[in-house]
N, C-alpha and C. Protein backbone atom coordinates (compact mmCIF):
# COMPACT_ATOMS: atom_id res chain seq x y z
N UNK A 1 0.85 -1.17 0.00
CA UNK A 1 0.00 0.00 0.00
C UNK A 1 0.90 1.23 0.00
N UNK A 2 0.55 2.16 -0.79
CA UNK A 2 1.35 3.38 -0.94
C UNK A 2 1.20 4.30 0.28
N UNK A 3 2.30 4.94 0.64
CA UNK A 3 2.28 5.88 1.77
C UNK A 3 1.40 7.08 1.47
N UNK A 4 1.15 7.36 0.20
CA UNK A 4 0.29 8.50 -0.15
C UNK A 4 -1.14 8.31 0.35
N UNK A 5 -1.57 7.05 0.49
CA UNK A 5 -2.91 6.78 1.01
C UNK A 5 -3.01 7.32 2.44
N UNK A 6 -1.98 7.05 3.24
CA UNK A 6 -2.00 7.50 4.63
C UNK A 6 -1.85 9.02 4.72
N UNK A 7 -1.08 9.59 3.83
CA UNK A 7 -0.97 11.05 3.79
C UNK A 7 -2.31 11.68 3.46
N UNK A 8 -3.01 11.08 2.49
CA UNK A 8 -4.33 11.58 2.12
C UNK A 8 -5.30 11.49 3.31
N UNK A 9 -5.32 10.32 3.97
CA UNK A 9 -6.21 10.17 5.12
C UNK A 9 -5.87 11.16 6.23
N UNK A 10 -4.60 11.37 6.47
CA UNK A 10 -4.19 12.33 7.48
C UNK A 10 -4.71 13.73 7.14
N UNK A 11 -4.56 14.13 5.89
CA UNK A 11 -5.05 15.45 5.47
C UNK A 11 -6.57 15.56 5.61
N UNK A 12 -7.28 14.50 5.25
CA UNK A 12 -8.74 14.52 5.34
C UNK A 12 -9.17 14.62 6.80
N UNK A 13 -8.59 13.78 7.65
CA UNK A 13 -9.04 13.72 9.05
C UNK A 13 -8.59 14.91 9.87
N UNK A 14 -7.52 15.57 9.45
CA UNK A 14 -7.08 16.79 10.13
C UNK A 14 -7.61 18.05 9.46
N UNK A 15 -8.49 17.87 8.49
CA UNK A 15 -9.17 18.97 7.77
C UNK A 15 -8.13 19.99 7.27
N UNK A 16 -7.20 19.49 6.49
CA UNK A 16 -6.13 20.35 5.96
C UNK A 16 -6.45 20.93 4.58
N UNK A 17 -7.59 20.61 4.03
CA UNK A 17 -7.94 21.12 2.71
C UNK A 17 -8.29 22.60 2.77
N UNK A 18 -8.02 23.29 1.68
CA UNK A 18 -8.38 24.72 1.58
C UNK A 18 -9.81 24.81 1.07
N UNK A 19 -10.74 24.75 1.99
CA UNK A 19 -12.16 24.81 1.65
C UNK A 19 -12.81 25.91 2.46
N UNK A 20 -13.95 26.35 1.97
CA UNK A 20 -14.70 27.38 2.69
C UNK A 20 -16.18 27.04 2.66
N UNK A 21 -16.90 27.67 3.54
CA UNK A 21 -18.36 27.56 3.55
C UNK A 21 -18.87 26.16 3.79
N UNK A 22 -19.86 25.76 2.97
CA UNK A 22 -20.52 24.47 3.14
C UNK A 22 -19.57 23.29 2.94
N UNK A 23 -18.64 23.42 2.01
CA UNK A 23 -17.70 22.32 1.77
C UNK A 23 -16.84 22.07 3.01
N UNK A 24 -16.36 23.13 3.63
CA UNK A 24 -15.55 22.97 4.84
C UNK A 24 -16.40 22.40 5.99
N UNK A 25 -17.61 22.90 6.14
CA UNK A 25 -18.50 22.41 7.20
C UNK A 25 -18.76 20.91 7.02
N UNK A 26 -18.99 20.48 5.79
CA UNK A 26 -19.22 19.06 5.51
C UNK A 26 -17.96 18.24 5.79
N UNK A 27 -16.81 18.79 5.45
CA UNK A 27 -15.53 18.12 5.70
C UNK A 27 -15.31 17.94 7.21
N UNK A 28 -15.54 18.98 7.98
CA UNK A 28 -15.40 18.92 9.43
C UNK A 28 -16.38 17.90 10.00
N UNK A 29 -17.62 17.92 9.51
CA UNK A 29 -18.63 16.97 9.97
C UNK A 29 -18.18 15.53 9.73
N UNK A 30 -17.61 15.26 8.55
CA UNK A 30 -17.11 13.93 8.23
C UNK A 30 -15.99 13.53 9.19
N UNK A 31 -15.03 14.43 9.43
CA UNK A 31 -13.90 14.13 10.31
C UNK A 31 -14.39 13.82 11.74
N UNK A 32 -15.35 14.59 12.22
CA UNK A 32 -15.88 14.35 13.56
C UNK A 32 -16.63 13.03 13.64
N UNK A 33 -17.42 12.71 12.63
CA UNK A 33 -18.15 11.44 12.63
C UNK A 33 -17.18 10.27 12.57
N UNK A 34 -16.11 10.43 11.81
CA UNK A 34 -15.09 9.38 11.73
C UNK A 34 -14.47 9.15 13.10
N UNK A 35 -14.18 10.23 13.83
CA UNK A 35 -13.61 10.11 15.18
C UNK A 35 -14.59 9.41 16.12
N UNK A 36 -15.88 9.69 15.97
CA UNK A 36 -16.88 9.03 16.81
C UNK A 36 -16.92 7.53 16.55
N UNK A 37 -16.66 7.12 15.34
CA UNK A 37 -16.70 5.71 14.97
C UNK A 37 -15.44 4.96 15.40
N UNK A 38 -14.27 5.58 15.29
CA UNK A 38 -13.03 4.86 15.53
C UNK A 38 -12.82 4.47 17.00
N UNK A 39 -13.31 5.25 17.94
CA UNK A 39 -13.17 4.90 19.36
C UNK A 39 -13.85 3.58 19.70
N UNK A 40 -15.13 3.43 19.38
CA UNK A 40 -15.80 2.16 19.66
C UNK A 40 -15.21 0.98 18.89
N UNK A 41 -14.76 1.21 17.66
CA UNK A 41 -14.14 0.13 16.88
C UNK A 41 -12.86 -0.32 17.56
N UNK A 42 -12.04 0.63 18.00
CA UNK A 42 -10.80 0.29 18.70
C UNK A 42 -11.12 -0.44 20.00
N UNK A 43 -12.09 0.04 20.74
CA UNK A 43 -12.44 -0.60 22.01
C UNK A 43 -12.89 -2.04 21.78
N UNK A 44 -13.73 -2.24 20.80
CA UNK A 44 -14.22 -3.59 20.52
C UNK A 44 -13.08 -4.50 20.08
N UNK A 45 -12.21 -4.00 19.24
CA UNK A 45 -11.14 -4.84 18.70
C UNK A 45 -10.08 -5.16 19.73
N UNK A 46 -9.77 -4.24 20.60
CA UNK A 46 -8.71 -4.47 21.59
C UNK A 46 -9.29 -4.98 22.91
N UNK A 47 -10.14 -4.19 23.52
CA UNK A 47 -10.59 -4.50 24.88
C UNK A 47 -11.52 -5.71 24.92
N UNK A 48 -12.39 -5.86 23.95
CA UNK A 48 -13.37 -6.93 24.00
C UNK A 48 -12.96 -8.16 23.20
N UNK A 49 -11.82 -8.10 22.52
CA UNK A 49 -11.37 -9.25 21.74
C UNK A 49 -9.98 -9.68 22.17
N UNK A 50 -8.99 -8.85 21.93
CA UNK A 50 -7.60 -9.21 22.26
C UNK A 50 -7.42 -9.45 23.75
N UNK A 51 -8.07 -8.66 24.58
CA UNK A 51 -7.90 -8.81 26.03
C UNK A 51 -8.46 -10.14 26.54
N UNK A 52 -9.34 -10.77 25.75
CA UNK A 52 -9.87 -12.07 26.16
C UNK A 52 -8.96 -13.21 25.69
N UNK A 53 -8.01 -12.90 24.83
CA UNK A 53 -7.11 -13.93 24.31
C UNK A 53 -5.73 -13.84 24.93
N UNK A 54 -5.37 -12.72 25.50
CA UNK A 54 -4.06 -12.49 26.09
C UNK A 54 -4.23 -12.42 27.60
N UNK A 55 -3.64 -13.37 28.32
CA UNK A 55 -3.89 -13.47 29.76
C UNK A 55 -2.62 -13.45 30.59
N UNK A 56 -1.82 -12.44 30.45
CA UNK A 56 -0.63 -12.35 31.30
C UNK A 56 -1.06 -12.22 32.76
N UNK A 57 -1.94 -11.29 33.01
CA UNK A 57 -2.56 -11.12 34.32
C UNK A 57 -3.94 -10.53 34.04
N UNK A 58 -4.95 -11.35 34.22
CA UNK A 58 -6.29 -11.03 33.75
C UNK A 58 -6.84 -9.71 34.31
N UNK A 59 -6.43 -9.31 35.53
CA UNK A 59 -6.97 -8.05 36.06
C UNK A 59 -6.38 -6.83 35.35
N UNK A 60 -5.36 -7.01 34.51
CA UNK A 60 -4.84 -5.89 33.70
C UNK A 60 -5.66 -5.71 32.43
N UNK A 61 -6.49 -6.67 32.10
CA UNK A 61 -7.21 -6.66 30.83
C UNK A 61 -8.57 -5.98 30.91
N UNK A 62 -8.66 -4.90 31.61
CA UNK A 62 -9.91 -4.17 31.71
C UNK A 62 -9.93 -3.01 30.72
N UNK A 63 -11.10 -2.47 30.48
CA UNK A 63 -11.25 -1.33 29.59
C UNK A 63 -10.36 -0.20 30.07
N UNK A 64 -9.58 0.35 29.17
CA UNK A 64 -8.66 1.42 29.52
C UNK A 64 -7.35 0.91 30.09
N UNK A 65 -7.25 -0.40 30.23
CA UNK A 65 -6.04 -0.99 30.79
C UNK A 65 -4.90 -1.03 29.79
N UNK A 66 -3.73 -1.29 30.30
CA UNK A 66 -2.54 -1.40 29.48
C UNK A 66 -1.78 -2.65 29.95
N UNK A 67 -2.10 -3.82 29.39
CA UNK A 67 -1.51 -5.06 29.88
C UNK A 67 0.01 -5.07 29.86
N UNK A 68 0.63 -4.27 29.01
CA UNK A 68 2.09 -4.25 28.96
C UNK A 68 2.69 -3.52 30.16
N UNK A 69 1.89 -2.73 30.86
CA UNK A 69 2.38 -2.04 32.07
C UNK A 69 2.01 -2.89 33.27
N UNK A 70 3.02 -3.48 33.87
CA UNK A 70 2.82 -4.46 34.93
C UNK A 70 3.18 -3.83 36.26
N UNK A 71 2.28 -3.03 36.79
CA UNK A 71 2.50 -2.42 38.10
C UNK A 71 3.07 -1.02 38.04
N UNK A 72 2.96 -0.32 39.14
CA UNK A 72 3.44 1.05 39.29
C UNK A 72 4.09 1.18 40.66
N UNK A 73 5.22 1.83 40.70
CA UNK A 73 5.87 2.08 41.99
C UNK A 73 5.00 3.04 42.79
N UNK A 74 5.04 2.93 44.10
CA UNK A 74 4.19 3.75 44.97
C UNK A 74 4.43 5.24 44.76
N UNK A 75 5.69 5.62 44.53
CA UNK A 75 6.02 7.03 44.30
C UNK A 75 5.34 7.54 43.03
N UNK A 76 5.37 6.71 41.97
CA UNK A 76 4.73 7.07 40.70
C UNK A 76 3.22 7.17 40.87
N UNK A 77 2.63 6.25 41.61
CA UNK A 77 1.20 6.27 41.88
C UNK A 77 0.81 7.59 42.55
N UNK A 78 1.55 8.01 43.57
CA UNK A 78 1.23 9.25 44.27
C UNK A 78 1.48 10.48 43.40
N UNK A 79 2.53 10.43 42.56
CA UNK A 79 2.80 11.55 41.65
C UNK A 79 1.66 11.69 40.64
N UNK A 80 1.20 10.57 40.08
CA UNK A 80 0.09 10.61 39.12
C UNK A 80 -1.18 11.16 39.77
N UNK A 81 -1.45 10.76 41.00
CA UNK A 81 -2.63 11.26 41.69
C UNK A 81 -2.52 12.76 41.97
N UNK A 82 -1.33 13.21 42.33
CA UNK A 82 -1.12 14.66 42.56
C UNK A 82 -1.32 15.42 41.26
N UNK A 83 -0.82 14.89 40.15
CA UNK A 83 -1.03 15.52 38.83
C UNK A 83 -2.51 15.60 38.49
N UNK A 84 -3.23 14.49 38.73
CA UNK A 84 -4.67 14.48 38.46
C UNK A 84 -5.39 15.50 39.33
N UNK A 85 -4.99 15.60 40.59
CA UNK A 85 -5.62 16.54 41.51
C UNK A 85 -5.42 17.99 41.04
N UNK A 86 -4.22 18.28 40.53
CA UNK A 86 -3.96 19.63 40.02
C UNK A 86 -4.73 19.91 38.73
N UNK A 87 -4.75 18.93 37.83
CA UNK A 87 -5.36 19.13 36.51
C UNK A 87 -6.89 19.00 36.51
N UNK A 88 -7.41 18.05 37.27
CA UNK A 88 -8.84 17.77 37.29
C UNK A 88 -9.31 17.59 38.74
N UNK A 89 -9.36 18.65 39.52
CA UNK A 89 -9.66 18.53 40.95
C UNK A 89 -11.05 17.98 41.28
N UNK A 90 -11.98 18.05 40.36
CA UNK A 90 -13.33 17.57 40.65
C UNK A 90 -13.62 16.19 40.07
N UNK A 91 -12.61 15.56 39.48
CA UNK A 91 -12.84 14.24 38.89
C UNK A 91 -12.61 13.14 39.91
N UNK A 92 -13.01 11.92 39.54
CA UNK A 92 -12.83 10.79 40.44
C UNK A 92 -11.84 9.80 39.81
N UNK A 93 -11.24 9.02 40.66
CA UNK A 93 -10.43 7.89 40.21
C UNK A 93 -11.26 6.66 40.57
N UNK A 94 -11.70 5.95 39.56
CA UNK A 94 -12.57 4.81 39.81
C UNK A 94 -11.83 3.50 39.63
N UNK A 95 -12.28 2.50 40.30
CA UNK A 95 -11.72 1.16 40.13
C UNK A 95 -12.71 0.26 39.40
N UNK A 96 -13.86 0.81 39.05
CA UNK A 96 -14.87 0.04 38.34
C UNK A 96 -15.71 1.00 37.49
N UNK A 97 -16.08 0.56 36.30
CA UNK A 97 -16.95 1.35 35.43
C UNK A 97 -18.02 0.43 34.86
N UNK A 98 -18.86 0.97 34.00
CA UNK A 98 -19.89 0.15 33.35
C UNK A 98 -19.26 -0.88 32.41
N UNK A 99 -17.98 -0.69 32.03
CA UNK A 99 -17.29 -1.63 31.15
C UNK A 99 -16.45 -2.66 31.89
N UNK A 100 -16.35 -2.58 33.19
CA UNK A 100 -15.50 -3.50 33.95
C UNK A 100 -16.02 -4.93 33.80
N UNK A 101 -15.12 -5.82 33.47
CA UNK A 101 -15.51 -7.21 33.23
C UNK A 101 -15.60 -8.02 34.52
N UNK A 102 -14.80 -7.67 35.51
CA UNK A 102 -14.79 -8.38 36.78
C UNK A 102 -15.04 -7.39 37.90
N UNK A 103 -15.49 -7.87 39.04
CA UNK A 103 -15.71 -7.00 40.18
C UNK A 103 -14.40 -6.45 40.72
N UNK A 104 -14.48 -5.31 41.40
CA UNK A 104 -13.29 -4.68 41.97
C UNK A 104 -12.56 -5.62 42.93
N UNK A 105 -13.33 -6.36 43.74
CA UNK A 105 -12.70 -7.25 44.71
C UNK A 105 -11.94 -8.38 44.01
N UNK A 106 -12.48 -8.89 42.92
CA UNK A 106 -11.79 -9.96 42.18
C UNK A 106 -10.49 -9.45 41.59
N UNK A 107 -10.53 -8.29 40.96
CA UNK A 107 -9.31 -7.72 40.38
C UNK A 107 -8.28 -7.43 41.45
N UNK A 108 -8.71 -6.91 42.59
CA UNK A 108 -7.78 -6.62 43.69
C UNK A 108 -7.15 -7.91 44.21
N UNK A 109 -7.93 -8.95 44.34
CA UNK A 109 -7.40 -10.23 44.84
C UNK A 109 -6.39 -10.82 43.87
N UNK A 110 -6.69 -10.77 42.59
CA UNK A 110 -5.76 -11.29 41.58
C UNK A 110 -4.46 -10.50 41.63
N UNK A 111 -4.56 -9.18 41.72
CA UNK A 111 -3.36 -8.34 41.77
C UNK A 111 -2.52 -8.65 43.00
N UNK A 112 -3.14 -8.81 44.15
CA UNK A 112 -2.40 -9.12 45.38
C UNK A 112 -1.75 -10.49 45.28
N UNK A 113 -2.47 -11.48 44.79
CA UNK A 113 -1.91 -12.82 44.67
C UNK A 113 -0.72 -12.85 43.71
N UNK A 114 -0.73 -11.98 42.70
CA UNK A 114 0.39 -11.94 41.76
C UNK A 114 1.66 -11.43 42.44
N UNK A 115 1.51 -10.71 43.54
CA UNK A 115 2.67 -10.21 44.27
C UNK A 115 3.16 -11.22 45.30
N UNK A 116 2.44 -12.31 45.48
CA UNK A 116 2.80 -13.32 46.49
C UNK A 116 2.88 -14.69 45.80
N UNK A 117 3.82 -14.90 44.88
CA UNK A 117 3.83 -16.14 44.09
C UNK A 117 4.02 -17.40 44.91
N UNK A 118 4.68 -17.32 46.04
CA UNK A 118 4.89 -18.53 46.84
C UNK A 118 3.64 -18.90 47.62
N UNK A 119 2.72 -17.95 47.80
CA UNK A 119 1.49 -18.22 48.54
C UNK A 119 0.68 -19.33 47.86
N UNK A 120 0.59 -19.26 46.55
CA UNK A 120 -0.20 -20.23 45.80
C UNK A 120 0.40 -21.63 45.82
N UNK A 121 1.71 -21.75 46.01
CA UNK A 121 2.33 -23.07 45.98
C UNK A 121 2.49 -23.67 47.37
N UNK A 122 2.24 -22.89 48.43
CA UNK A 122 2.37 -23.41 49.79
C UNK A 122 1.16 -24.28 50.11
N UNK A 123 1.34 -25.34 50.88
CA UNK A 123 0.18 -26.17 51.22
C UNK A 123 -0.80 -25.40 52.08
N UNK A 124 -2.03 -25.57 51.82
CA UNK A 124 -3.09 -24.90 52.57
C UNK A 124 -3.29 -25.60 53.91
N UNK A 125 -3.65 -24.85 54.92
CA UNK A 125 -3.80 -25.39 56.28
C UNK A 125 -4.80 -26.55 56.33
N UNK A 126 -5.87 -26.44 55.54
CA UNK A 126 -6.91 -27.47 55.58
C UNK A 126 -6.41 -28.78 54.97
N UNK A 127 -5.49 -28.70 54.00
CA UNK A 127 -5.02 -29.92 53.36
C UNK A 127 -3.76 -30.47 54.02
N UNK A 128 -3.22 -29.79 55.02
CA UNK A 128 -1.98 -30.22 55.67
C UNK A 128 -2.21 -31.40 56.61
N UNK A 129 -3.43 -31.73 56.96
CA UNK A 129 -3.68 -32.82 57.91
C UNK A 129 -3.55 -34.17 57.29
């Protein structure tokens, strides 16, 4: 495929054409509608398909997740929260949304167990008898 195809699409979607009036308004309308379509398509293709096939740690596979990022240092966590507080003081940090595939408690338990790998291999008290 020629690189000119991608250059053309970039120009169309960034509304780089020299147009005026109704033609420009229609061009902007097309670009906005295209943006409205691509978000759900990406979500369906990645979050609802690939995340069900790739299971490095299932609690990372939630909507908005980044399975390649495996944990955050506590200092980074607090820095990110301070940045969010400065930039969006009235917003919330949620651990569950309408798109969450598992309950918050399940994801938290999986995450904690992943930090304690020897816990799963130790004999359980009930089976030690």
